[in-house]
Amino acid sequence: MNQVNYAAMSDEELRRYFLQHRDDKIALRAYLDRLSERPRNIITTVDDPDFDAKIQAAILRKMQGADRNGEAAV
């Protein structure tokens, strides 16, 4: 069996690989491990009086970033 080097793949390459090889549990674990290692950006807290505005601003930034990268905004 051919050994796959998940560590050598970029995040996007690993994501695409797993989507094409959904039965590869090790690829899924490698991808999930990478996601869990990323720093989390806390946008707001539930009791923040500006909760709605901050959430809307974060969504807008994400959509604008996707547009600049040629990705479809979700």
PDB file of N, CA and C in Angstrom:
ATOM      1  N   MET A   1       0.835  -1.185   0.000  1.00  0.00           N
ATOM      2  CA  MET A   1       0.000   0.000   0.000  1.00  0.00           C
ATOM      3  C   MET A   1       0.874   1.240   0.000  1.00  0.00           C
ATOM      4  N   ASN A   2       0.479   2.242  -0.756  1.00  0.00           N
ATOM      5  CA  ASN A   2       1.222   3.488  -0.875  1.00  0.00           C
ATOM      6  C   ASN A   2       0.957   4.369   0.339  1.00  0.00           C
ATOM      7  N   GLN A   3       2.022   4.800   1.013  1.00  0.00           N
ATOM      8  CA  GLN A   3       1.881   5.662   2.183  1.00  0.00           C
ATOM      9  C   GLN A   3       1.663   7.097   1.740  1.00  0.00           C
ATOM     10  N   VAL A   4       0.676   7.755   2.315  1.00  0.00           N
ATOM     11  CA  VAL A   4       0.366   9.139   1.995  1.00  0.00           C
ATOM     12  C   VAL A   4       0.997  10.024   3.060  1.00  0.00           C
ATOM     13  N   ASN A   5       1.695  11.069   2.631  1.00  0.00           N
ATOM     14  CA  ASN A   5       2.338  11.997   3.564  1.00  0.00           C
ATOM     15  C   ASN A   5       1.414  13.188   3.795  1.00  0.00           C
ATOM     16  N   TYR A   6       0.552  13.083   4.801  1.00  0.00           N
ATOM     17  CA  TYR A   6      -0.409  14.147   5.092  1.00  0.00           C
ATOM     18  C   TYR A   6       0.288  15.428   5.533  1.00  0.00           C
ATOM     19  N   ALA A   7       1.392  15.290   6.241  1.00  0.00           N
ATOM     20  CA  ALA A   7       2.110  16.460   6.750  1.00  0.00           C
ATOM     21  C   ALA A   7       2.661  17.316   5.623  1.00  0.00           C
ATOM     22  N   ALA A   8       2.968  16.709   4.484  1.00  0.00           N
ATOM     23  CA  ALA A   8       3.522  17.453   3.355  1.00  0.00           C
ATOM     24  C   ALA A   8       2.446  18.215   2.579  1.00  0.00           C
ATOM     25  N   MET A   9       1.175  17.891   2.845  1.00  0.00           N
ATOM     26  CA  MET A   9       0.073  18.542   2.123  1.00  0.00           C
ATOM     27  C   MET A   9      -0.300  19.861   2.789  1.00  0.00           C
ATOM     28  N   SER A  10      -0.696  20.811   1.955  1.00  0.00           N
ATOM     29  CA  SER A  10      -1.257  22.044   2.504  1.00  0.00           C
ATOM     30  C   SER A  10      -2.630  21.718   3.085  1.00  0.00           C
ATOM     31  N   ASP A  11      -3.197  22.638   3.830  1.00  0.00           N
ATOM     32  CA  ASP A  11      -4.534  22.431   4.388  1.00  0.00           C
ATOM     33  C   ASP A  11      -5.543  22.150   3.278  1.00  0.00           C
ATOM     34  N   GLU A  12      -5.471  22.917   2.209  1.00  0.00           N
ATOM     35  CA  GLU A  12      -6.415  22.753   1.107  1.00  0.00           C
ATOM     36  C   GLU A  12      -6.202  21.413   0.398  1.00  0.00           C
ATOM     37  N   GLU A  13      -4.946  21.033   0.204  1.00  0.00           N
ATOM     38  CA  GLU A  13      -4.662  19.738  -0.435  1.00  0.00           C
ATOM     39  C   GLU A  13      -5.189  18.584   0.417  1.00  0.00           C
ATOM     40  N   LEU A  14      -4.991  18.684   1.729  1.00  0.00           N
ATOM     41  CA  LEU A  14      -5.468  17.637   2.622  1.00  0.00           C
ATOM     42  C   LEU A  14      -6.993  17.582   2.627  1.00  0.00           C
ATOM     43  N   ARG A  15      -7.639  18.716   2.614  1.00  0.00           N
ATOM     44  CA  ARG A  15      -9.102  18.767   2.562  1.00  0.00           C
ATOM     45  C   ARG A  15      -9.608  18.103   1.284  1.00  0.00           C
ATOM     46  N   ARG A  16      -9.015  18.476   0.151  1.00  0.00           N
ATOM     47  CA  ARG A  16      -9.427  17.880  -1.127  1.00  0.00           C
ATOM     48  C   ARG A  16      -9.150  16.378  -1.153  1.00  0.00           C
ATOM     49  N   TYR A  17      -7.997  15.966  -0.616  1.00  0.00           N
ATOM     50  CA  TYR A  17      -7.659  14.545  -0.580  1.00  0.00           C
ATOM     51  C   TYR A  17      -8.714  13.784   0.210  1.00  0.00           C
ATOM     52  N   PHE A  18      -9.057  14.307   1.397  1.00  0.00           N
ATOM     53  CA  PHE A  18     -10.045  13.595   2.205  1.00  0.00           C
ATOM     54  C   PHE A  18     -11.398  13.536   1.499  1.00  0.00           C
ATOM     55  N   LEU A  19     -11.799  14.628   0.857  1.00  0.00           N
ATOM     56  CA  LEU A  19     -13.082  14.614   0.161  1.00  0.00           C
ATOM     57  C   LEU A  19     -13.114  13.585  -0.971  1.00  0.00           C
ATOM     58  N   GLN A  20     -11.966  13.288  -1.545  1.00  0.00           N
ATOM     59  CA  GLN A  20     -11.877  12.282  -2.603  1.00  0.00           C
ATOM     60  C   GLN A  20     -11.677  10.866  -2.053  1.00  0.00           C
ATOM     61  N   HIS A  21     -11.251  10.773  -0.794  1.00  0.00           N
ATOM     62  CA  HIS A  21     -10.970   9.468  -0.162  1.00  0.00           C
ATOM     63  C   HIS A  21     -11.658   9.426   1.203  1.00  0.00           C
ATOM     64  N   ARG A  22     -12.959   9.506   1.199  1.00  0.00           N
ATOM     65  CA  ARG A  22     -13.725   9.614   2.447  1.00  0.00           C
ATOM     66  C   ARG A  22     -13.588   8.409   3.374  1.00  0.00           C
ATOM     67  N   ASP A  23     -13.125   7.305   2.866  1.00  0.00           N
ATOM     68  CA  ASP A  23     -12.932   6.130   3.719  1.00  0.00           C
ATOM     69  C   ASP A  23     -11.574   6.144   4.431  1.00  0.00           C
ATOM     70  N   ASP A  24     -10.732   7.125   4.140  1.00  0.00           N
ATOM     71  CA  ASP A  24      -9.405   7.236   4.756  1.00  0.00           C
ATOM     72  C   ASP A  24      -9.539   7.950   6.096  1.00  0.00           C
ATOM     73  N   LYS A  25      -9.690   7.156   7.156  1.00  0.00           N
ATOM     74  CA  LYS A  25      -9.897   7.703   8.510  1.00  0.00           C
ATOM     75  C   LYS A  25      -8.672   8.463   9.013  1.00  0.00           C
ATOM     76  N   ILE A  26      -7.497   8.057   8.583  1.00  0.00           N
ATOM     77  CA  ILE A  26      -6.275   8.741   9.018  1.00  0.00           C
ATOM     78  C   ILE A  26      -6.218  10.140   8.409  1.00  0.00           C
ATOM     79  N   ALA A  27      -6.661  10.290   7.174  1.00  0.00           N
ATOM     80  CA  ALA A  27      -6.708  11.616   6.539  1.00  0.00           C
ATOM     81  C   ALA A  27      -7.684  12.518   7.279  1.00  0.00           C
ATOM     82  N   LEU A  28      -8.836  11.974   7.650  1.00  0.00           N
ATOM     83  CA  LEU A  28      -9.809  12.756   8.410  1.00  0.00           C
ATOM     84  C   LEU A  28      -9.211  13.203   9.735  1.00  0.00           C
ATOM     85  N   ARG A  29      -8.550  12.302  10.440  1.00  0.00           N
ATOM     86  CA  ARG A  29      -7.939  12.640  11.731  1.00  0.00           C
ATOM     87  C   ARG A  29      -6.866  13.714  11.534  1.00  0.00           C
ATOM     88  N   ALA A  30      -6.056  13.596  10.499  1.00  0.00           N
ATOM     89  CA  ALA A  30      -5.006  14.588  10.232  1.00  0.00           C
ATOM     90  C   ALA A  30      -5.629  15.963   9.976  1.00  0.00           C
ATOM     91  N   TYR A  31      -6.706  15.984   9.198  1.00  0.00           N
ATOM     92  CA  TYR A  31      -7.370  17.256   8.891  1.00  0.00           C
ATOM     93  C   TYR A  31      -8.010  17.859  10.140  1.00  0.00           C
ATOM     94  N   LEU A  32      -8.706  17.050  10.921  1.00  0.00           N
ATOM     95  CA  LEU A  32      -9.340  17.550  12.147  1.00  0.00           C
ATOM     96  C   LEU A  32      -8.300  18.025  13.158  1.00  0.00           C
ATOM     97  N   ASP A  33      -7.180  17.322  13.243  1.00  0.00           N
ATOM     98  CA  ASP A  33      -6.101  17.759  14.135  1.00  0.00           C
ATOM     99  C   ASP A  33      -5.591  19.138  13.738  1.00  0.00           C
ATOM    100  N   ARG A  34      -5.442  19.351  12.440  1.00  0.00           N
ATOM    101  CA  ARG A  34      -4.994  20.674  11.970  1.00  0.00           C
ATOM    102  C   ARG A  34      -5.997  21.755  12.333  1.00  0.00           C
ATOM    103  N   LEU A  35      -7.264  21.464  12.133  1.00  0.00           N
ATOM    104  CA  LEU A  35      -8.292  22.456  12.465  1.00  0.00           C
ATOM    105  C   LEU A  35      -8.283  22.791  13.945  1.00  0.00           C
ATOM    106  N   SER A  36      -8.097  21.790  14.781  1.00  0.00           N
ATOM    107  CA  SER A  36      -8.125  22.031  16.227  1.00  0.00           C
ATOM    108  C   SER A  36      -6.889  22.798  16.708  1.00  0.00           C
ATOM    109  N   GLU A  37      -5.809  22.761  15.940  1.00  0.00           N
ATOM    110  CA  GLU A  37      -4.585  23.461  16.320  1.00  0.00           C
ATOM    111  C   GLU A  37      -4.601  24.939  15.942  1.00  0.00           C
ATOM    112  N   ARG A  38      -5.527  25.323  15.090  1.00  0.00           N
ATOM    113  CA  ARG A  38      -5.596  26.721  14.658  1.00  0.00           C
ATOM    114  C   ARG A  38      -6.054  27.609  15.801  1.00  0.00           C
ATOM    115  N   PRO A  39      -5.509  28.820  15.861  1.00  0.00           N
ATOM    116  CA  PRO A  39      -5.993  29.756  16.891  1.00  0.00           C
ATOM    117  C   PRO A  39      -7.437  30.133  16.599  1.00  0.00           C
ATOM    118  N   ARG A  40      -8.195  30.265  17.649  1.00  0.00           N
ATOM    119  CA  ARG A  40      -9.602  30.616  17.501  1.00  0.00           C
ATOM    120  C   ARG A  40      -9.771  32.112  17.672  1.00  0.00           C
ATOM    121  N   ASN A  41     -10.509  32.711  16.760  1.00  0.00           N
ATOM    122  CA  ASN A  41     -10.777  34.142  16.814  1.00  0.00           C
ATOM    123  C   ASN A  41     -12.140  34.342  17.467  1.00  0.00           C
ATOM    124  N   ILE A  42     -12.145  34.858  18.688  1.00  0.00           N
ATOM    125  CA  ILE A  42     -13.391  35.112  19.406  1.00  0.00           C
ATOM    126  C   ILE A  42     -13.936  36.452  18.936  1.00  0.00           C
ATOM    127  N   ILE A  43     -15.100  36.417  18.321  1.00  0.00           N
ATOM    128  CA  ILE A  43     -15.700  37.626  17.754  1.00  0.00           C
ATOM    129  C   ILE A  43     -16.412  38.434  18.830  1.00  0.00           C
ATOM    130  N   THR A  44     -17.176  37.764  19.661  1.00  0.00           N
ATOM    131  CA  THR A  44     -17.964  38.431  20.690  1.00  0.00           C
ATOM    132  C   THR A  44     -18.408  37.401  21.716  1.00  0.00           C
ATOM    133  N   THR A  45     -19.110  37.851  22.723  1.00  0.00           N
ATOM    134  CA  THR A  45     -19.693  36.962  23.720  1.00  0.00           C
ATOM    135  C   THR A  45     -21.202  37.184  23.736  1.00  0.00           C
ATOM    136  N   VAL A  46     -21.922  36.239  24.264  1.00  0.00           N
ATOM    137  CA  VAL A  46     -23.384  36.291  24.250  1.00  0.00           C
ATOM    138  C   VAL A  46     -23.918  37.523  24.979  1.00  0.00           C
ATOM    139  N   ASP A  47     -23.259  37.941  26.029  1.00  0.00           N
ATOM    140  CA  ASP A  47     -23.758  39.079  26.814  1.00  0.00           C
ATOM    141  C   ASP A  47     -23.260  40.435  26.309  1.00  0.00           C
ATOM    142  N   ASP A  48     -22.565  40.474  25.195  1.00  0.00           N
ATOM    143  CA  ASP A  48     -22.066  41.724  24.613  1.00  0.00           C
ATOM    144  C   ASP A  48     -23.238  42.531  24.043  1.00  0.00           C
ATOM    145  N   PRO A  49     -23.375  43.799  24.428  1.00  0.00           N
ATOM    146  CA  PRO A  49     -24.483  44.608  23.904  1.00  0.00           C
ATOM    147  C   PRO A  49     -24.383  44.842  22.387  1.00  0.00           C
ATOM    148  N   ASP A  50     -23.189  44.714  21.823  1.00  0.00           N
ATOM    149  CA  ASP A  50     -22.992  44.897  20.379  1.00  0.00           C
ATOM    150  C   ASP A  50     -22.905  43.554  19.647  1.00  0.00           C
ATOM    151  N   PHE A  51     -23.477  42.509  20.230  1.00  0.00           N
ATOM    152  CA  PHE A  51     -23.395  41.154  19.686  1.00  0.00           C
ATOM    153  C   PHE A  51     -23.804  41.107  18.212  1.00  0.00           C
ATOM    154  N   ASP A  52     -25.000  41.603  17.896  1.00  0.00           N
ATOM    155  CA  ASP A  52     -25.509  41.530  16.517  1.00  0.00           C
ATOM    156  C   ASP A  52     -24.599  42.262  15.535  1.00  0.00           C
ATOM    157  N   ALA A  53     -24.165  43.449  15.892  1.00  0.00           N
ATOM    158  CA  ALA A  53     -23.316  44.245  15.001  1.00  0.00           C
ATOM    159  C   ALA A  53     -21.981  43.549  14.753  1.00  0.00           C
ATOM    160  N   LYS A  54     -21.407  42.962  15.796  1.00  0.00           N
ATOM    161  CA  LYS A  54     -20.116  42.285  15.649  1.00  0.00           C
ATOM    162  C   LYS A  54     -20.239  41.026  14.792  1.00  0.00           C
ATOM    163  N   ILE A  55     -21.328  40.285  14.968  1.00  0.00           N
ATOM    164  CA  ILE A  55     -21.542  39.087  14.160  1.00  0.00           C
ATOM    165  C   ILE A  55     -21.740  39.469  12.699  1.00  0.00           C
ATOM    166  N   GLN A  56     -22.547  40.477  12.455  1.00  0.00           N
ATOM    167  CA  GLN A  56     -22.789  40.918  11.077  1.00  0.00           C
ATOM    168  C   GLN A  56     -21.502  41.416  10.423  1.00  0.00           C
ATOM    169  N   ALA A  57     -20.689  42.147  11.171  1.00  0.00           N
ATOM    170  CA  ALA A  57     -19.417  42.652  10.639  1.00  0.00           C
ATOM    171  C   ALA A  57     -18.473  41.493  10.307  1.00  0.00           C
ATOM    172  N   ALA A  58     -18.445  40.472  11.163  1.00  0.00           N
ATOM    173  CA  ALA A  58     -17.581  39.320  10.914  1.00  0.00           C
ATOM    174  C   ALA A  58     -18.040  38.558   9.669  1.00  0.00           C
ATOM    175  N   ILE A  59     -19.344  38.412   9.503  1.00  0.00           N
ATOM    176  CA  ILE A  59     -19.873  37.736   8.321  1.00  0.00           C
ATOM    177  C   ILE A  59     -19.528  38.519   7.065  1.00  0.00           C
ATOM    178  N   LEU A  60     -19.675  39.826   7.116  1.00  0.00           N
ATOM    179  CA  LEU A  60     -19.352  40.672   5.969  1.00  0.00           C
ATOM    180  C   LEU A  60     -17.870  40.559   5.608  1.00  0.00           C
ATOM    181  N   ARG A  61     -16.983  40.583   6.615  1.00  0.00           N
ATOM    182  CA  ARG A  61     -15.541  40.431   6.357  1.00  0.00           C
ATOM    183  C   ARG A  61     -15.251  39.084   5.705  1.00  0.00           C
ATOM    184  N   LYS A  62     -15.897  38.029   6.185  1.00  0.00           N
ATOM    185  CA  LYS A  62     -15.692  36.693   5.624  1.00  0.00           C
ATOM    186  C   LYS A  62     -16.159  36.652   4.171  1.00  0.00           C
ATOM    187  N   MET A  63     -17.312  37.244   3.895  1.00  0.00           N
ATOM    188  CA  MET A  63     -17.839  37.258   2.534  1.00  0.00           C
ATOM    189  C   MET A  63     -16.947  38.077   1.605  1.00  0.00           C
ATOM    190  N   GLN A  64     -16.446  39.204   2.072  1.00  0.00           N
ATOM    191  CA  GLN A  64     -15.564  40.030   1.250  1.00  0.00           C
ATOM    192  C   GLN A  64     -14.245  39.316   0.991  1.00  0.00           C
ATOM    193  N   GLY A  65     -13.737  38.607   1.987  1.00  0.00           N
ATOM    194  CA  GLY A  65     -12.507  37.842   1.816  1.00  0.00           C
ATOM    195  C   GLY A  65     -12.691  36.725   0.805  1.00  0.00           C
ATOM    196  N   ALA A  66     -13.844  36.086   0.840  1.00  0.00           N
ATOM    197  CA  ALA A  66     -14.142  35.017  -0.118  1.00  0.00           C
ATOM    198  C   ALA A  66     -14.235  35.585  -1.528  1.00  0.00           C
ATOM    199  N   ASP A  67     -14.854  36.748  -1.675  1.00  0.00           N
ATOM    200  CA  ASP A  67     -14.969  37.375  -2.991  1.00  0.00           C
ATOM    201  C   ASP A  67     -13.586  37.717  -3.557  1.00  0.00           C
ATOM    202  N   ARG A  68     -12.704  38.223  -2.714  1.00  0.00           N
ATOM    203  CA  ARG A  68     -11.354  38.596  -3.171  1.00  0.00           C
ATOM    204  C   ARG A  68     -10.554  37.371  -3.580  1.00  0.00           C
ATOM    205  N   ASN A  69     -10.822  36.226  -2.933  1.00  0.00           N
ATOM    206  CA  ASN A  69     -10.086  34.999  -3.229  1.00  0.00           C
ATOM    207  C   ASN A  69     -10.747  34.198  -4.347  1.00  0.00           C
ATOM    208  N   GLY A  70     -11.807  34.711  -4.902  1.00  0.00           N
ATOM    209  CA  GLY A  70     -12.499  34.018  -5.987  1.00  0.00           C
ATOM    210  C   GLY A  70     -13.319  32.841  -5.524  1.00  0.00           C
ATOM    211  N   GLU A  71     -13.627  32.794  -4.233  1.00  0.00           N
ATOM    212  CA  GLU A  71     -14.433  31.718  -3.696  1.00  0.00           C
ATOM    213  C   GLU A  71     -15.892  32.154  -3.661  1.00  0.00           C
ATOM    214  N   ALA A  72     -16.757  31.201  -3.644  1.00  0.00           N
ATOM    215  CA  ALA A  72     -18.181  31.514  -3.503  1.00  0.00           C
ATOM    216  C   ALA A  72     -18.454  31.840  -2.048  1.00  0.00           C
ATOM    217  N   ALA A  73     -19.161  32.920  -1.818  1.00  0.00           N
ATOM    218  CA  ALA A  73     -19.562  33.284  -0.469  1.00  0.00           C
ATOM    219  C   ALA A  73     -20.668  32.351  -0.014  1.00  0.00           C
ATOM    220  N   VAL A  74     -20.525  31.838   1.193  1.00  0.00           N
ATOM    221  CA  VAL A  74     -21.511  30.874   1.713  1.00  0.00           C
ATOM    222  C   VAL A  74     -22.440  31.565   2.661  1.00  0.00           C
TER     223      VAL A  74
END
